[in-house]
Structure formats: C-alpha cells, structure tokens
C-alpha cells in the first residue's frame, strides 16, 4: 500500500498506472548511479521521486523495482523512435525490470500527415517492435493502444475505405499474432463494433 501511494505517477492518457516514456535520442540514464534503474531521463511526470527511493539501499531498490515494473504499463509516446531506440532502451533496464514488465502501451496517432514535426509510425514499425518486445520481455502479456483523439477519426466499418478502422484492425492483427491481451483507449462507445469485429477476425486468424 505504501509503494502504491509513493510510486503513483500522474499521466494525461488514461486512468491506469503508466511509465510514460518520451524519446531524447539515445541519451538514457547510465547504470552507474542507479544500479538497476536505468530509466529514460524523459520519463514523464516522475520528477525524481522513484529514483530517490531506488537509491536508498538494496532492499528498497529490489522492492520498489519489483512493484514499479509489475504494476505499471511501459507506455511509449508517439515521438519515441521504435525502430532506432526500442531495443537499446530495453537493454538499459535491469534483468529484474524486464522480467517484471507485463504490459506495454503505445500512443497511436492516425492521420498526422499535415502536422509539422509529428512522426507517423508505419505498421512495419509496429511489427518489428512486437518482435523486439517478445524477445526481450519474457512475461509480456498485454498491449494498450491509446488512440489520440486529435488524430483519430472513427468509423463503424472495418471493410471498405475507412483508414482508422483498418488501422485498429491491423494493430490488433499484428499484436494478436503474439497472443497478447489487447486494449484500445479511448475508442468511442458507438464504435465498439470495430473492436468486436477486429477481435473476432484476429481469433479466427489464429
């Protein structure tokens, strides 16, 4: 209960605990000072509290690290370069941390062509990321997709020309192939049929 309170980190995406990771090239925290912490320096909203707890002594380090990575979703913002930095970032985490991570999330931005400086990931990037995660996170079991409402235009049809519905389907297909639990937020309730149809197709595809 104490760790749940002390390690609670606010986020602007959903009502569940997240470790929100931004991308600052390959400038990850070195392991010299924080033995097995090695978190990205742009871990959003952390403000050094968890790092302080991890550096007290070995027992607290072990307990905090165990709780932190087993109870939080490792959530990558759209700006995080999955192709160039995902594997390197995961390698900076300790073996304990990698063994505890069960849930991984992604900020998804559809239709960002006109936004200056806003990257748009390809489906191939997500396929490669899924392989990296499967290789490096032995207990990974769930994927959370945050559909950024600024760049998501939902539709009730998976077939046809609607790109958002097809995007949801393709993401579910890619990660469903690895038999992961899939969660999409914040999909409007009137368009839940897209997910229902998608999950049925993924299950049939297995």
C-alpha atoms as a PDB file:
ATOM      1  CA  UNK A   1       0.000   0.000   0.000  1.00  0.00           C
ATOM      2  CA  UNK A   2       2.874   2.360   0.794  1.00  0.00           C
ATOM      3  CA  UNK A   3       4.543   1.684  -2.551  1.00  0.00           C
ATOM      4  CA  UNK A   4       1.237   2.111  -4.384  1.00  0.00           C
ATOM      5  CA  UNK A   5       0.948   5.582  -2.869  1.00  0.00           C
ATOM      6  CA  UNK A   6       4.608   6.572  -3.104  1.00  0.00           C
ATOM      7  CA  UNK A   7       5.122   5.433  -6.703  1.00  0.00           C
ATOM      8  CA  UNK A   8       1.862   6.802  -8.070  1.00  0.00           C
ATOM      9  CA  UNK A   9       2.693   8.940 -11.115  1.00  0.00           C
ATOM     10  CA  UNK A  10       0.001  11.065 -12.807  1.00  0.00           C
ATOM     11  CA  UNK A  11      -0.487  10.840 -16.551  1.00  0.00           C
ATOM     12  CA  UNK A  12      -2.653  12.592 -19.133  1.00  0.00           C
ATOM     13  CA  UNK A  13      -3.708   9.498 -21.054  1.00  0.00           C
ATOM     14  CA  UNK A  14      -5.803   7.053 -19.047  1.00  0.00           C
ATOM     15  CA  UNK A  15      -6.869   6.027 -15.566  1.00  0.00           C
ATOM     16  CA  UNK A  16      -4.266   3.333 -15.036  1.00  0.00           C
ATOM     17  CA  UNK A  17      -0.642   3.422 -13.853  1.00  0.00           C
ATOM     18  CA  UNK A  18       1.797   4.184 -16.657  1.00  0.00           C
ATOM     19  CA  UNK A  19       5.508   4.715 -17.057  1.00  0.00           C
ATOM     20  CA  UNK A  20       5.267   7.274 -19.843  1.00  0.00           C
ATOM     21  CA  UNK A  21       8.454   7.294 -21.932  1.00  0.00           C
ATOM     22  CA  UNK A  22       9.375  10.038 -24.345  1.00  0.00           C
ATOM     23  CA  UNK A  23      12.336   9.980 -26.702  1.00  0.00           C
ATOM     24  CA  UNK A  24      15.512  12.024 -26.358  1.00  0.00           C
ATOM     25  CA  UNK A  25      17.689  10.275 -28.888  1.00  0.00           C
ATOM     26  CA  UNK A  26      19.814   7.621 -27.158  1.00  0.00           C
ATOM     27  CA  UNK A  27      20.592   9.629 -24.005  1.00  0.00           C
ATOM     28  CA  UNK A  28      19.361   7.070 -21.500  1.00  0.00           C
ATOM     29  CA  UNK A  29      20.268   7.215 -17.822  1.00  0.00           C
ATOM     30  CA  UNK A  30      23.521   5.369 -17.135  1.00  0.00           C
ATOM     31  CA  UNK A  31      23.513   2.429 -14.756  1.00  0.00           C
ATOM     32  CA  UNK A  32      26.435   3.645 -12.687  1.00  0.00           C
ATOM     33  CA  UNK A  33      24.487   5.802 -10.268  1.00  0.00           C
ATOM     34  CA  UNK A  34      21.198   3.888 -10.025  1.00  0.00           C
ATOM     35  CA  UNK A  35      22.215   0.249 -10.042  1.00  0.00           C
ATOM     36  CA  UNK A  36      19.311  -1.257 -11.970  1.00  0.00           C
ATOM     37  CA  UNK A  37      17.116   1.761 -12.586  1.00  0.00           C
ATOM     38  CA  UNK A  38      18.354   2.925 -15.979  1.00  0.00           C
ATOM     39  CA  UNK A  39      15.187   4.768 -16.947  1.00  0.00           C
ATOM     40  CA  UNK A  40      14.885   7.193 -19.813  1.00  0.00           C
ATOM     41  CA  UNK A  41      15.600  10.726 -18.495  1.00  0.00           C
ATOM     42  CA  UNK A  42      12.375  11.903 -20.098  1.00  0.00           C
ATOM     43  CA  UNK A  43      10.151   9.557 -18.082  1.00  0.00           C
ATOM     44  CA  UNK A  44       7.186  11.913 -17.999  1.00  0.00           C
ATOM     45  CA  UNK A  45       5.941  13.142 -14.594  1.00  0.00           C
ATOM     46  CA  UNK A  46       8.359  11.179 -12.404  1.00  0.00           C
ATOM     47  CA  UNK A  47      10.302  14.176 -11.001  1.00  0.00           C
ATOM     48  CA  UNK A  48      12.963  12.069  -9.304  1.00  0.00           C
ATOM     49  CA  UNK A  49      10.835  10.561  -6.504  1.00  0.00           C
ATOM     50  CA  UNK A  50      11.153   6.965  -7.668  1.00  0.00           C
ATOM     51  CA  UNK A  51      14.842   7.393  -8.421  1.00  0.00           C
ATOM     52  CA  UNK A  52      15.371   8.579  -4.865  1.00  0.00           C
ATOM     53  CA  UNK A  53      13.614   5.528  -3.434  1.00  0.00           C
ATOM     54  CA  UNK A  54      15.626   3.204  -5.655  1.00  0.00           C
ATOM     55  CA  UNK A  55      18.902   4.653  -4.441  1.00  0.00           C
ATOM     56  CA  UNK A  56      18.258   4.234  -0.668  1.00  0.00           C
ATOM     57  CA  UNK A  57      19.547   0.678  -0.228  1.00  0.00           C
ATOM     58  CA  UNK A  58      19.459  -2.743  -1.846  1.00  0.00           C
ATOM     59  CA  UNK A  59      16.281  -3.931  -0.162  1.00  0.00           C
ATOM     60  CA  UNK A  60      14.228  -0.878  -1.083  1.00  0.00           C
ATOM     61  CA  UNK A  61      15.705  -0.943  -4.556  1.00  0.00           C
ATOM     62  CA  UNK A  62      14.588  -4.536  -5.054  1.00  0.00           C
ATOM     63  CA  UNK A  63      11.096  -3.972  -3.635  1.00  0.00           C
ATOM     64  CA  UNK A  64      10.463  -0.698  -5.482  1.00  0.00           C
ATOM     65  CA  UNK A  65      11.765  -2.062  -8.773  1.00  0.00           C
ATOM     66  CA  UNK A  66       9.603  -5.167  -8.461  1.00  0.00           C
ATOM     67  CA  UNK A  67       6.467  -3.141  -7.730  1.00  0.00           C
ATOM     68  CA  UNK A  68       7.210  -0.452 -10.313  1.00  0.00           C
ATOM     69  CA  UNK A  69       7.587  -2.670 -13.347  1.00  0.00           C
ATOM     70  CA  UNK A  70       4.992  -5.297 -12.435  1.00  0.00           C
ATOM     71  CA  UNK A  71       2.203  -2.772 -11.705  1.00  0.00           C
ATOM     72  CA  UNK A  72       2.804  -0.142 -14.393  1.00  0.00           C
ATOM     73  CA  UNK A  73       2.404  -0.205 -18.148  1.00  0.00           C
ATOM     74  CA  UNK A  74       5.536   0.801 -20.047  1.00  0.00           C
ATOM     75  CA  UNK A  75       3.943   3.394 -22.337  1.00  0.00           C
ATOM     76  CA  UNK A  76       5.765   4.782 -25.385  1.00  0.00           C
ATOM     77  CA  UNK A  77       4.704   8.141 -26.755  1.00  0.00           C
ATOM     78  CA  UNK A  78       4.255   8.565 -30.492  1.00  0.00           C
ATOM     79  CA  UNK A  79       7.507  10.562 -30.604  1.00  0.00           C
ATOM     80  CA  UNK A  80       9.522   7.549 -29.386  1.00  0.00           C
ATOM     81  CA  UNK A  81      11.524   6.085 -32.275  1.00  0.00           C
ATOM     82  CA  UNK A  82      10.659   2.405 -32.076  1.00  0.00           C
ATOM     83  CA  UNK A  83      12.984   1.293 -34.858  1.00  0.00           C
ATOM     84  CA  UNK A  84      16.118   3.029 -33.610  1.00  0.00           C
ATOM     85  CA  UNK A  85      15.700   3.131 -29.835  1.00  0.00           C
ATOM     86  CA  UNK A  86      13.306   0.471 -28.507  1.00  0.00           C
ATOM     87  CA  UNK A  87      15.806  -2.384 -28.258  1.00  0.00           C
ATOM     88  CA  UNK A  88      18.525  -0.111 -26.869  1.00  0.00           C
ATOM     89  CA  UNK A  89      16.172   1.341 -24.274  1.00  0.00           C
ATOM     90  CA  UNK A  90      15.018  -2.074 -23.083  1.00  0.00           C
ATOM     91  CA  UNK A  91      18.640  -3.175 -22.808  1.00  0.00           C
ATOM     92  CA  UNK A  92      19.298  -0.372 -20.314  1.00  0.00           C
ATOM     93  CA  UNK A  93      16.725  -1.877 -17.949  1.00  0.00           C
ATOM     94  CA  UNK A  94      17.865  -4.466 -15.453  1.00  0.00           C
ATOM     95  CA  UNK A  95      17.028  -8.139 -15.911  1.00  0.00           C
ATOM     96  CA  UNK A  96      14.643  -7.805 -12.947  1.00  0.00           C
ATOM     97  CA  UNK A  97      12.787  -4.959 -14.611  1.00  0.00           C
ATOM     98  CA  UNK A  98      12.498  -6.774 -17.950  1.00  0.00           C
ATOM     99  CA  UNK A  99      11.227  -9.896 -16.186  1.00  0.00           C
ATOM    100  CA  UNK A 100       8.521  -7.888 -14.364  1.00  0.00           C
ATOM    101  CA  UNK A 101       7.067  -5.935 -17.291  1.00  0.00           C
ATOM    102  CA  UNK A 102       3.750  -7.480 -18.290  1.00  0.00           C
ATOM    103  CA  UNK A 103       2.042  -4.572 -20.036  1.00  0.00           C
ATOM    104  CA  UNK A 104       3.314  -2.315 -22.835  1.00  0.00           C
ATOM    105  CA  UNK A 105       1.413   0.601 -24.366  1.00  0.00           C
ATOM    106  CA  UNK A 106       1.652   2.895 -27.377  1.00  0.00           C
ATOM    107  CA  UNK A 107       0.284   6.331 -28.177  1.00  0.00           C
ATOM    108  CA  UNK A 108      -1.328   5.913 -31.605  1.00  0.00           C
ATOM    109  CA  UNK A 109      -1.699   8.880 -33.962  1.00  0.00           C
ATOM    110  CA  UNK A 110      -3.619   8.305 -37.186  1.00  0.00           C
ATOM    111  CA  UNK A 111      -3.789  10.991 -39.909  1.00  0.00           C
ATOM    112  CA  UNK A 112      -0.847  13.157 -38.905  1.00  0.00           C
ATOM    113  CA  UNK A 113       0.448  13.902 -42.412  1.00  0.00           C
ATOM    114  CA  UNK A 114      -0.195  17.638 -42.123  1.00  0.00           C
ATOM    115  CA  UNK A 115       1.276  18.080 -38.644  1.00  0.00           C
ATOM    116  CA  UNK A 116       4.766  19.563 -38.882  1.00  0.00           C
ATOM    117  CA  UNK A 117       7.284  17.535 -36.904  1.00  0.00           C
ATOM    118  CA  UNK A 118       4.746  14.875 -35.901  1.00  0.00           C
ATOM    119  CA  UNK A 119       6.036  11.395 -36.807  1.00  0.00           C
ATOM    120  CA  UNK A 120       3.718   8.754 -38.148  1.00  0.00           C
ATOM    121  CA  UNK A 121       4.684   5.165 -37.467  1.00  0.00           C
ATOM    122  CA  UNK A 122       4.217   2.562 -40.130  1.00  0.00           C
ATOM    123  CA  UNK A 123       2.637  -0.828 -39.483  1.00  0.00           C
ATOM    124  CA  UNK A 124       6.022  -2.387 -40.270  1.00  0.00           C
ATOM    125  CA  UNK A 125       7.489  -0.466 -37.314  1.00  0.00           C
ATOM    126  CA  UNK A 126       4.885  -1.980 -35.011  1.00  0.00           C
ATOM    127  CA  UNK A 127       5.600  -5.444 -36.383  1.00  0.00           C
ATOM    128  CA  UNK A 128       9.316  -5.026 -35.699  1.00  0.00           C
ATOM    129  CA  UNK A 129       8.576  -3.578 -32.247  1.00  0.00           C
ATOM    130  CA  UNK A 130       6.405  -6.588 -31.382  1.00  0.00           C
ATOM    131  CA  UNK A 131       9.285  -8.924 -32.217  1.00  0.00           C
ATOM    132  CA  UNK A 132      11.693  -6.901 -30.058  1.00  0.00           C
ATOM    133  CA  UNK A 133       9.274  -6.910 -27.121  1.00  0.00           C
ATOM    134  CA  UNK A 134       8.678 -10.639 -27.427  1.00  0.00           C
ATOM    135  CA  UNK A 135      12.418 -11.256 -27.444  1.00  0.00           C
ATOM    136  CA  UNK A 136      13.349  -9.023 -24.508  1.00  0.00           C
ATOM    137  CA  UNK A 137      10.322  -9.150 -22.155  1.00  0.00           C
ATOM    138  CA  UNK A 138       9.687 -12.760 -21.063  1.00  0.00           C
ATOM    139  CA  UNK A 139       6.462 -12.033 -19.125  1.00  0.00           C
ATOM    140  CA  UNK A 140       4.936  -9.518 -21.571  1.00  0.00           C
ATOM    141  CA  UNK A 141       1.246 -10.371 -21.912  1.00  0.00           C
ATOM    142  CA  UNK A 142      -0.795  -7.225 -22.673  1.00  0.00           C
ATOM    143  CA  UNK A 143      -0.790  -4.303 -25.104  1.00  0.00           C
ATOM    144  CA  UNK A 144      -2.562  -0.991 -24.578  1.00  0.00           C
ATOM    145  CA  UNK A 145      -3.238   1.342 -27.513  1.00  0.00           C
ATOM    146  CA  UNK A 146      -4.112   4.952 -26.753  1.00  0.00           C
ATOM    147  CA  UNK A 147      -5.887   6.347 -29.822  1.00  0.00           C
ATOM    148  CA  UNK A 148      -5.065  10.041 -29.658  1.00  0.00           C
ATOM    149  CA  UNK A 149      -8.428  11.787 -30.255  1.00  0.00           C
ATOM    150  CA  UNK A 150      -6.705  14.604 -32.159  1.00  0.00           C
ATOM    151  CA  UNK A 151      -5.637  12.184 -34.865  1.00  0.00           C
ATOM    152  CA  UNK A 152      -8.332   9.536 -34.807  1.00  0.00           C
ATOM    153  CA  UNK A 153     -11.467   9.621 -36.960  1.00  0.00           C
ATOM    154  CA  UNK A 154     -13.510   6.550 -36.043  1.00  0.00           C
ATOM    155  CA  UNK A 155     -15.944   4.668 -38.184  1.00  0.00           C
ATOM    156  CA  UNK A 156     -18.164   1.686 -37.647  1.00  0.00           C
ATOM    157  CA  UNK A 157     -16.873  -0.215 -40.664  1.00  0.00           C
ATOM    158  CA  UNK A 158     -13.755  -2.346 -40.865  1.00  0.00           C
ATOM    159  CA  UNK A 159     -14.251  -3.244 -44.507  1.00  0.00           C
ATOM    160  CA  UNK A 160     -14.104  -0.501 -47.084  1.00  0.00           C
ATOM    161  CA  UNK A 161     -12.053   2.647 -47.171  1.00  0.00           C
ATOM    162  CA  UNK A 162     -12.079   3.865 -43.586  1.00  0.00           C
ATOM    163  CA  UNK A 163      -8.426   4.200 -42.608  1.00  0.00           C
ATOM    164  CA  UNK A 164      -8.919   4.463 -38.834  1.00  0.00           C
ATOM    165  CA  UNK A 165     -10.949   1.269 -38.633  1.00  0.00           C
ATOM    166  CA  UNK A 166      -8.395  -0.501 -40.808  1.00  0.00           C
ATOM    167  CA  UNK A 167      -5.622   0.861 -38.596  1.00  0.00           C
ATOM    168  CA  UNK A 168      -7.263  -0.529 -35.466  1.00  0.00           C
ATOM    169  CA  UNK A 169      -7.701  -3.858 -37.190  1.00  0.00           C
ATOM    170  CA  UNK A 170      -4.086  -4.026 -38.375  1.00  0.00           C
ATOM    171  CA  UNK A 171      -2.709  -3.193 -34.913  1.00  0.00           C
ATOM    172  CA  UNK A 172      -4.893  -5.902 -33.394  1.00  0.00           C
ATOM    173  CA  UNK A 173      -3.751  -8.342 -36.074  1.00  0.00           C
ATOM    174  CA  UNK A 174      -0.048  -7.590 -35.508  1.00  0.00           C
ATOM    175  CA  UNK A 175      -0.097  -7.997 -31.733  1.00  0.00           C
ATOM    176  CA  UNK A 176      -2.832 -10.627 -31.681  1.00  0.00           C
ATOM    177  CA  UNK A 177      -0.444 -12.830 -33.615  1.00  0.00           C
ATOM    178  CA  UNK A 178       1.699 -12.922 -30.461  1.00  0.00           C
ATOM    179  CA  UNK A 179      -1.360 -13.893 -28.381  1.00  0.00           C
ATOM    180  CA  UNK A 180      -1.392 -10.743 -26.254  1.00  0.00           C
ATOM    181  CA  UNK A 181      -4.365  -9.209 -24.469  1.00  0.00           C
ATOM    182  CA  UNK A 182      -5.380  -6.132 -26.472  1.00  0.00           C
ATOM    183  CA  UNK A 183      -6.902  -2.942 -25.031  1.00  0.00           C
ATOM    184  CA  UNK A 184      -7.840   0.136 -27.058  1.00  0.00           C
ATOM    185  CA  UNK A 185      -8.484   3.567 -25.467  1.00  0.00           C
ATOM    186  CA  UNK A 186     -10.327   5.795 -25.885  1.00  0.00           C
ATOM    187  CA  UNK A 187     -12.494   4.189 -28.521  1.00  0.00           C
ATOM    188  CA  UNK A 188     -15.914   5.906 -28.575  1.00  0.00           C
ATOM    189  CA  UNK A 189     -18.660   3.611 -27.331  1.00  0.00           C
ATOM    190  CA  UNK A 190     -20.674   3.978 -30.540  1.00  0.00           C
ATOM    191  CA  UNK A 191     -17.741   2.433 -32.423  1.00  0.00           C
ATOM    192  CA  UNK A 192     -17.128  -0.577 -30.193  1.00  0.00           C
ATOM    193  CA  UNK A 193     -18.267  -2.697 -33.105  1.00  0.00           C
ATOM    194  CA  UNK A 194     -14.956  -2.012 -34.810  1.00  0.00           C
ATOM    195  CA  UNK A 195     -13.090  -3.682 -31.955  1.00  0.00           C
ATOM    196  CA  UNK A 196     -15.596  -6.523 -31.611  1.00  0.00           C
ATOM    197  CA  UNK A 197     -15.276  -7.341 -35.291  1.00  0.00           C
ATOM    198  CA  UNK A 198     -11.493  -6.942 -35.193  1.00  0.00           C
ATOM    199  CA  UNK A 199     -11.027  -9.288 -32.222  1.00  0.00           C
ATOM    200  CA  UNK A 200     -13.251 -11.913 -33.870  1.00  0.00           C
ATOM    201  CA  UNK A 201     -11.142 -11.716 -37.028  1.00  0.00           C
ATOM    202  CA  UNK A 202      -7.897 -11.998 -35.062  1.00  0.00           C
ATOM    203  CA  UNK A 203      -9.188 -15.023 -33.146  1.00  0.00           C
ATOM    204  CA  UNK A 204     -10.324 -16.687 -36.362  1.00  0.00           C
ATOM    205  CA  UNK A 205      -6.939 -15.922 -37.886  1.00  0.00           C
ATOM    206  CA  UNK A 206      -5.180 -17.880 -35.157  1.00  0.00           C
END
